[in-house]
Amino acid sequence: MNLNMDYYASDEYIKAYGLPKGTQDYYQHYWAMPSEDKHHLPFIKTVISHLSNEQIIYQSNQFSVLRSAVLEGIAIGPIAKHKAIKYPQLKPLNVKINQDDEALWFIYHRDLKNNTRINALYNYLSESMETPAS
């Protein structure tokens, strides 16, 4: 499954600060970003290269925590599209990100292919990510 990440801001943030019109405006906004050990990820690198440390006002390596900060209107941050769609108050920035090489894989040993727990986890992940099981 492709990650399909984008950057989002809440209606509350937009009301207070507006949205950047392009990368040249990123420096005028507040950002919730992963900590430095995740800066190598292409969807993070695409934006972080346009920011200074002062603009990153919230950091966490837990994307669920970053999502909470964005939902509270604190900053703009990365959220998977399948998660963001559940929150009508979030608006995407539609950042151009090359995500062809980024994907999630569900890997297990071949002897576990018919394991009940493995299949249950796979089905749960497929349903929660709104991706049809294959």
N, C-alpha and C. Protein backbone atom coordinates (compact mmCIF):
# COMPACT_ATOMS: atom_id res chain seq x y z
N MET A 1 0.85 -1.18 0.00
CA MET A 1 0.00 0.00 0.00
C MET A 1 0.89 1.23 0.00
N ASN A 2 0.62 2.18 -0.86
CA ASN A 2 1.34 3.44 -0.86
C ASN A 2 0.95 4.25 0.37
N LEU A 3 1.88 5.03 0.88
CA LEU A 3 1.61 5.83 2.07
C LEU A 3 0.59 6.93 1.82
N ASN A 4 0.65 7.57 0.66
CA ASN A 4 -0.29 8.65 0.32
C ASN A 4 -0.38 9.69 1.43
N MET A 5 0.74 10.33 1.69
CA MET A 5 0.80 11.37 2.71
C MET A 5 0.57 12.74 2.07
N ASP A 6 0.07 13.64 2.88
CA ASP A 6 -0.03 15.04 2.49
C ASP A 6 0.13 15.85 3.76
N TYR A 7 0.18 17.14 3.61
CA TYR A 7 0.26 18.04 4.75
C TYR A 7 -1.09 18.72 4.91
N TYR A 8 -1.55 18.80 6.17
CA TYR A 8 -2.88 19.31 6.46
C TYR A 8 -2.83 20.41 7.50
N ALA A 9 -3.85 21.26 7.43
CA ALA A 9 -4.08 22.27 8.46
C ALA A 9 -5.55 22.20 8.83
N SER A 10 -5.85 22.50 10.07
CA SER A 10 -7.25 22.49 10.50
C SER A 10 -7.91 23.82 10.16
N ASP A 11 -9.22 23.82 10.15
CA ASP A 11 -9.97 25.06 9.91
C ASP A 11 -9.57 26.13 10.92
N GLU A 12 -9.32 25.71 12.16
CA GLU A 12 -8.93 26.65 13.22
C GLU A 12 -7.58 27.30 12.89
N TYR A 13 -6.61 26.51 12.43
CA TYR A 13 -5.31 27.05 12.06
C TYR A 13 -5.46 27.99 10.86
N ILE A 14 -6.23 27.58 9.88
CA ILE A 14 -6.41 28.38 8.67
C ILE A 14 -7.06 29.72 9.01
N LYS A 15 -8.02 29.70 9.92
CA LYS A 15 -8.68 30.95 10.33
C LYS A 15 -7.67 31.91 10.98
N ALA A 16 -6.74 31.37 11.76
CA ALA A 16 -5.76 32.20 12.46
C ALA A 16 -4.59 32.62 11.57
N TYR A 17 -4.13 31.73 10.69
CA TYR A 17 -2.88 31.98 9.97
C TYR A 17 -2.97 31.87 8.45
N GLY A 18 -4.07 31.37 7.94
CA GLY A 18 -4.17 31.14 6.50
C GLY A 18 -3.39 29.90 6.09
N LEU A 19 -3.26 29.71 4.79
CA LEU A 19 -2.50 28.59 4.24
C LEU A 19 -1.37 29.10 3.37
N PRO A 20 -0.25 28.41 3.34
CA PRO A 20 0.81 28.82 2.42
C PRO A 20 0.36 28.60 0.98
N LYS A 21 0.67 29.55 0.12
CA LYS A 21 0.29 29.43 -1.29
C LYS A 21 1.32 28.61 -2.08
N GLY A 22 2.49 28.45 -1.52
CA GLY A 22 3.56 27.68 -2.15
C GLY A 22 4.72 27.55 -1.18
N THR A 23 5.77 26.88 -1.63
CA THR A 23 6.93 26.64 -0.75
C THR A 23 7.56 27.95 -0.27
N GLN A 24 7.43 29.01 -1.06
CA GLN A 24 8.01 30.30 -0.65
C GLN A 24 7.31 30.86 0.59
N ASP A 25 6.10 30.38 0.91
CA ASP A 25 5.36 30.86 2.08
C ASP A 25 5.50 29.95 3.30
N TYR A 26 6.18 28.82 3.17
CA TYR A 26 6.29 27.89 4.28
C TYR A 26 6.92 28.54 5.51
N TYR A 27 7.86 29.45 5.29
CA TYR A 27 8.56 30.08 6.41
C TYR A 27 7.65 30.97 7.25
N GLN A 28 6.45 31.28 6.75
CA GLN A 28 5.51 32.13 7.48
C GLN A 28 4.54 31.32 8.34
N HIS A 29 4.74 30.01 8.43
CA HIS A 29 3.78 29.14 9.12
C HIS A 29 4.44 28.28 10.18
N TYR A 30 3.59 27.71 11.03
CA TYR A 30 4.03 26.82 12.10
C TYR A 30 3.83 25.38 11.65
N TRP A 31 4.77 24.52 12.05
CA TRP A 31 4.77 23.14 11.56
C TRP A 31 4.93 22.15 12.70
N ALA A 32 4.22 21.03 12.59
CA ALA A 32 4.39 19.87 13.47
C ALA A 32 5.04 18.80 12.62
N MET A 33 6.28 18.45 12.96
CA MET A 33 7.07 17.55 12.12
C MET A 33 7.70 16.43 12.95
N PRO A 34 8.04 15.34 12.29
CA PRO A 34 8.77 14.29 13.00
C PRO A 34 10.16 14.79 13.42
N SER A 35 10.72 14.12 14.41
CA SER A 35 12.06 14.45 14.86
C SER A 35 13.08 14.14 13.78
N GLU A 36 14.30 14.58 14.01
CA GLU A 36 15.35 14.55 12.99
C GLU A 36 15.60 13.17 12.39
N ASP A 37 15.42 12.11 13.14
CA ASP A 37 15.72 10.78 12.59
C ASP A 37 14.73 10.34 11.50
N LYS A 38 13.69 11.12 11.28
CA LYS A 38 12.73 10.82 10.20
C LYS A 38 12.86 11.81 9.03
N HIS A 39 13.78 12.74 9.11
CA HIS A 39 13.93 13.76 8.06
C HIS A 39 14.41 13.20 6.73
N HIS A 40 14.90 11.98 6.70
CA HIS A 40 15.35 11.36 5.44
C HIS A 40 14.18 10.85 4.59
N LEU A 41 13.01 10.70 5.19
CA LEU A 41 11.85 10.22 4.43
C LEU A 41 11.47 11.23 3.36
N PRO A 42 11.28 10.79 2.12
CA PRO A 42 11.01 11.75 1.03
C PRO A 42 9.86 12.71 1.30
N PHE A 43 8.76 12.25 1.88
CA PHE A 43 7.63 13.17 2.10
C PHE A 43 7.92 14.17 3.20
N ILE A 44 8.88 13.88 4.07
CA ILE A 44 9.31 14.84 5.09
C ILE A 44 10.37 15.76 4.49
N LYS A 45 11.33 15.18 3.78
CA LYS A 45 12.42 15.95 3.17
C LYS A 45 11.89 17.01 2.21
N THR A 46 10.81 16.70 1.50
CA THR A 46 10.22 17.64 0.54
C THR A 46 9.86 18.96 1.19
N VAL A 47 9.36 18.91 2.42
CA VAL A 47 8.92 20.13 3.12
C VAL A 47 10.02 20.68 4.03
N ILE A 48 10.68 19.81 4.75
CA ILE A 48 11.65 20.26 5.76
C ILE A 48 12.77 21.10 5.16
N SER A 49 13.07 20.87 3.90
CA SER A 49 14.14 21.65 3.24
C SER A 49 13.75 23.12 3.08
N HIS A 50 12.49 23.45 3.25
CA HIS A 50 12.01 24.83 3.12
C HIS A 50 11.74 25.49 4.47
N LEU A 51 12.11 24.81 5.56
CA LEU A 51 11.80 25.31 6.89
C LEU A 51 13.07 25.59 7.68
N SER A 52 12.93 26.47 8.66
CA SER A 52 14.00 26.66 9.64
C SER A 52 13.52 26.05 10.95
N ASN A 53 14.44 25.82 11.87
CA ASN A 53 14.09 25.19 13.15
C ASN A 53 13.03 25.98 13.93
N GLU A 54 13.02 27.30 13.77
CA GLU A 54 12.06 28.13 14.51
C GLU A 54 10.62 27.88 14.08
N GLN A 55 10.43 27.42 12.88
CA GLN A 55 9.07 27.18 12.38
C GLN A 55 8.51 25.84 12.83
N ILE A 56 9.37 24.92 13.22
CA ILE A 56 8.92 23.62 13.70
C ILE A 56 8.67 23.75 15.19
N ILE A 57 7.39 23.94 15.54
CA ILE A 57 7.05 24.24 16.93
C ILE A 57 6.64 23.00 17.71
N TYR A 58 6.50 21.88 17.00
CA TYR A 58 6.10 20.65 17.67
C TYR A 58 6.75 19.47 16.95
N GLN A 59 7.36 18.56 17.72
CA GLN A 59 8.02 17.40 17.13
C GLN A 59 7.63 16.13 17.87
N SER A 60 7.46 15.07 17.09
CA SER A 60 7.22 13.75 17.65
C SER A 60 7.51 12.73 16.56
N ASN A 61 7.92 11.56 16.94
CA ASN A 61 8.09 10.48 15.96
C ASN A 61 6.84 9.63 15.84
N GLN A 62 5.81 9.97 16.58
CA GLN A 62 4.53 9.29 16.49
C GLN A 62 3.59 10.12 15.61
N PHE A 63 3.25 9.57 14.46
CA PHE A 63 2.41 10.34 13.53
C PHE A 63 1.01 10.58 14.10
N SER A 64 0.55 9.73 14.99
CA SER A 64 -0.75 9.97 15.62
C SER A 64 -0.69 11.21 16.52
N VAL A 65 0.45 11.45 17.14
CA VAL A 65 0.63 12.64 17.99
C VAL A 65 0.71 13.88 17.11
N LEU A 66 1.41 13.79 15.99
CA LEU A 66 1.45 14.93 15.06
C LEU A 66 0.05 15.24 14.55
N ARG A 67 -0.72 14.20 14.24
CA ARG A 67 -2.10 14.40 13.77
C ARG A 67 -2.92 15.14 14.83
N SER A 68 -2.75 14.77 16.09
CA SER A 68 -3.46 15.46 17.17
C SER A 68 -3.11 16.94 17.23
N ALA A 69 -1.84 17.27 17.06
CA ALA A 69 -1.42 18.67 17.06
C ALA A 69 -2.06 19.43 15.91
N VAL A 70 -2.14 18.80 14.74
CA VAL A 70 -2.77 19.44 13.58
C VAL A 70 -4.27 19.62 13.84
N LEU A 71 -4.91 18.61 14.37
CA LEU A 71 -6.34 18.69 14.65
C LEU A 71 -6.66 19.80 15.66
N GLU A 72 -5.75 20.04 16.59
CA GLU A 72 -5.94 21.09 17.59
C GLU A 72 -5.68 22.49 17.04
N GLY A 73 -5.20 22.59 15.80
CA GLY A 73 -4.96 23.89 15.20
C GLY A 73 -3.64 24.52 15.57
N ILE A 74 -2.72 23.71 16.12
CA ILE A 74 -1.43 24.22 16.56
C ILE A 74 -0.51 24.51 15.38
N ALA A 75 -0.55 23.63 14.36
CA ALA A 75 0.41 23.72 13.28
C ALA A 75 -0.08 22.94 12.06
N ILE A 76 0.68 23.03 10.98
CA ILE A 76 0.48 22.22 9.78
C ILE A 76 1.35 20.99 9.94
N GLY A 77 0.86 19.83 9.51
CA GLY A 77 1.68 18.63 9.65
C GLY A 77 1.29 17.52 8.70
N PRO A 78 2.14 16.48 8.62
CA PRO A 78 1.90 15.36 7.72
C PRO A 78 0.89 14.37 8.30
N ILE A 79 -0.06 13.98 7.45
CA ILE A 79 -1.07 13.00 7.84
C ILE A 79 -1.35 12.12 6.62
N ALA A 80 -1.51 10.84 6.86
CA ALA A 80 -1.88 9.94 5.78
C ALA A 80 -3.30 10.28 5.31
N LYS A 81 -3.50 10.26 4.01
CA LYS A 81 -4.80 10.64 3.46
C LYS A 81 -5.93 9.77 3.97
N HIS A 82 -5.67 8.48 4.19
CA HIS A 82 -6.74 7.60 4.69
C HIS A 82 -7.14 7.94 6.12
N LYS A 83 -6.28 8.63 6.85
CA LYS A 83 -6.63 9.10 8.19
C LYS A 83 -7.30 10.48 8.12
N ALA A 84 -6.78 11.35 7.30
CA ALA A 84 -7.27 12.73 7.22
C ALA A 84 -8.71 12.79 6.73
N ILE A 85 -9.10 11.85 5.89
CA ILE A 85 -10.45 11.87 5.32
C ILE A 85 -11.53 11.75 6.41
N LYS A 86 -11.14 11.26 7.56
CA LYS A 86 -12.08 11.08 8.68
C LYS A 86 -12.37 12.39 9.42
N TYR A 87 -11.62 13.44 9.08
CA TYR A 87 -11.74 14.72 9.79
C TYR A 87 -12.06 15.84 8.80
N PRO A 88 -13.33 16.20 8.69
CA PRO A 88 -13.71 17.23 7.71
C PRO A 88 -13.11 18.61 7.98
N GLN A 89 -12.63 18.84 9.19
CA GLN A 89 -12.03 20.14 9.52
C GLN A 89 -10.59 20.26 9.02
N LEU A 90 -10.04 19.20 8.43
CA LEU A 90 -8.68 19.26 7.88
C LEU A 90 -8.71 19.57 6.40
N LYS A 91 -7.81 20.46 6.00
CA LYS A 91 -7.68 20.84 4.59
C LYS A 91 -6.26 20.51 4.13
N PRO A 92 -6.13 19.87 2.98
CA PRO A 92 -4.79 19.51 2.49
C PRO A 92 -4.08 20.69 1.85
N LEU A 93 -2.77 20.67 1.93
CA LEU A 93 -1.96 21.67 1.23
C LEU A 93 -1.71 21.24 -0.21
N ASN A 94 -1.92 19.95 -0.50
CA ASN A 94 -1.65 19.37 -1.82
C ASN A 94 -0.19 19.59 -2.23
N VAL A 95 0.70 19.24 -1.31
CA VAL A 95 2.13 19.34 -1.56
C VAL A 95 2.51 18.28 -2.60
N LYS A 96 3.28 18.67 -3.57
CA LYS A 96 3.74 17.74 -4.61
C LYS A 96 4.85 16.86 -4.01
N ILE A 97 4.50 15.62 -3.73
CA ILE A 97 5.44 14.69 -3.12
C ILE A 97 5.55 13.46 -4.01
N ASN A 98 6.77 13.08 -4.34
CA ASN A 98 6.99 11.85 -5.09
C ASN A 98 6.97 10.70 -4.09
N GLN A 99 5.88 9.92 -4.10
CA GLN A 99 5.72 8.83 -3.15
C GLN A 99 5.79 7.46 -3.81
N ASP A 100 6.33 7.42 -5.02
CA ASP A 100 6.40 6.14 -5.74
C ASP A 100 7.22 5.10 -5.01
N ASP A 101 8.26 5.51 -4.31
CA ASP A 101 9.14 4.56 -3.63
C ASP A 101 8.76 4.33 -2.18
N GLU A 102 7.68 4.93 -1.72
CA GLU A 102 7.28 4.78 -0.33
C GLU A 102 6.03 3.92 -0.25
N ALA A 103 6.11 2.88 0.55
CA ALA A 103 4.97 1.99 0.69
C ALA A 103 5.05 1.27 2.03
N LEU A 104 3.91 0.77 2.45
CA LEU A 104 3.84 -0.08 3.64
C LEU A 104 3.76 -1.52 3.16
N TRP A 105 4.49 -2.37 3.83
CA TRP A 105 4.49 -3.79 3.51
C TRP A 105 4.08 -4.58 4.74
N PHE A 106 3.31 -5.61 4.52
CA PHE A 106 2.94 -6.54 5.58
C PHE A 106 3.71 -7.82 5.30
N ILE A 107 4.72 -8.09 6.12
CA ILE A 107 5.64 -9.19 5.85
C ILE A 107 5.56 -10.20 6.99
N TYR A 108 5.53 -11.46 6.62
CA TYR A 108 5.50 -12.54 7.59
C TYR A 108 6.19 -13.76 6.96
N HIS A 109 6.55 -14.68 7.78
CA HIS A 109 7.20 -15.90 7.29
C HIS A 109 6.19 -16.74 6.51
N ARG A 110 6.65 -17.36 5.44
CA ARG A 110 5.74 -18.11 4.54
C ARG A 110 5.00 -19.22 5.27
N ASP A 111 5.57 -19.78 6.33
CA ASP A 111 4.89 -20.84 7.08
C ASP A 111 3.69 -20.31 7.86
N LEU A 112 3.59 -18.99 7.97
CA LEU A 112 2.48 -18.39 8.72
C LEU A 112 1.35 -17.89 7.82
N LYS A 113 1.42 -18.21 6.55
CA LYS A 113 0.43 -17.70 5.59
C LYS A 113 -1.01 -18.00 6.00
N ASN A 114 -1.27 -19.14 6.56
CA ASN A 114 -2.64 -19.53 6.94
C ASN A 114 -2.90 -19.40 8.44
N ASN A 115 -2.01 -18.72 9.14
CA ASN A 115 -2.17 -18.52 10.57
C ASN A 115 -3.34 -17.60 10.85
N THR A 116 -4.19 -17.98 11.77
CA THR A 116 -5.40 -17.21 12.09
C THR A 116 -5.07 -15.81 12.58
N ARG A 117 -4.08 -15.68 13.43
CA ARG A 117 -3.70 -14.36 13.97
C ARG A 117 -3.14 -13.46 12.87
N ILE A 118 -2.31 -14.02 12.01
CA ILE A 118 -1.74 -13.24 10.91
C ILE A 118 -2.86 -12.75 9.99
N ASN A 119 -3.80 -13.64 9.65
CA ASN A 119 -4.91 -13.26 8.78
C ASN A 119 -5.81 -12.23 9.44
N ALA A 120 -6.03 -12.36 10.74
CA ALA A 120 -6.86 -11.39 11.46
C ALA A 120 -6.20 -10.01 11.45
N LEU A 121 -4.90 -9.97 11.69
CA LEU A 121 -4.18 -8.69 11.66
C LEU A 121 -4.21 -8.09 10.26
N TYR A 122 -3.96 -8.90 9.25
CA TYR A 122 -3.99 -8.42 7.86
C TYR A 122 -5.37 -7.83 7.53
N ASN A 123 -6.43 -8.54 7.90
CA ASN A 123 -7.78 -8.04 7.62
C ASN A 123 -8.06 -6.74 8.36
N TYR A 124 -7.63 -6.66 9.61
CA TYR A 124 -7.82 -5.43 10.37
C TYR A 124 -7.08 -4.26 9.71
N LEU A 125 -5.83 -4.47 9.36
CA LEU A 125 -5.05 -3.40 8.72
C LEU A 125 -5.67 -2.98 7.39
N SER A 126 -6.11 -3.94 6.61
CA SER A 126 -6.73 -3.63 5.31
C SER A 126 -7.99 -2.80 5.49
N GLU A 127 -8.82 -3.19 6.44
CA GLU A 127 -10.07 -2.46 6.68
C GLU A 127 -9.81 -1.07 7.26
N SER A 128 -8.87 -0.96 8.20
CA SER A 128 -8.63 0.33 8.84
C SER A 128 -7.97 1.33 7.89
N MET A 129 -7.31 0.83 6.86
CA MET A 129 -6.67 1.70 5.88
C MET A 129 -7.54 1.88 4.64
N GLU A 130 -8.76 1.38 4.73
CA GLU A 130 -9.72 1.49 3.63
C GLU A 130 -9.12 1.01 2.31
N THR A 131 -8.37 -0.07 2.41
CA THR A 131 -7.79 -0.70 1.24
C THR A 131 -8.39 -2.09 1.12
N PRO A 132 -8.95 -2.45 -0.02
CA PRO A 132 -9.53 -3.78 -0.13
C PRO A 132 -8.47 -4.86 0.06
N ALA A 133 -8.85 -5.90 0.82
CA ALA A 133 -7.93 -7.01 1.01
C ALA A 133 -7.72 -7.74 -0.30
N SER A 134 -6.47 -8.14 -0.58
CA SER A 134 -6.22 -8.86 -1.83
C SER A 134 -5.74 -10.26 -1.56
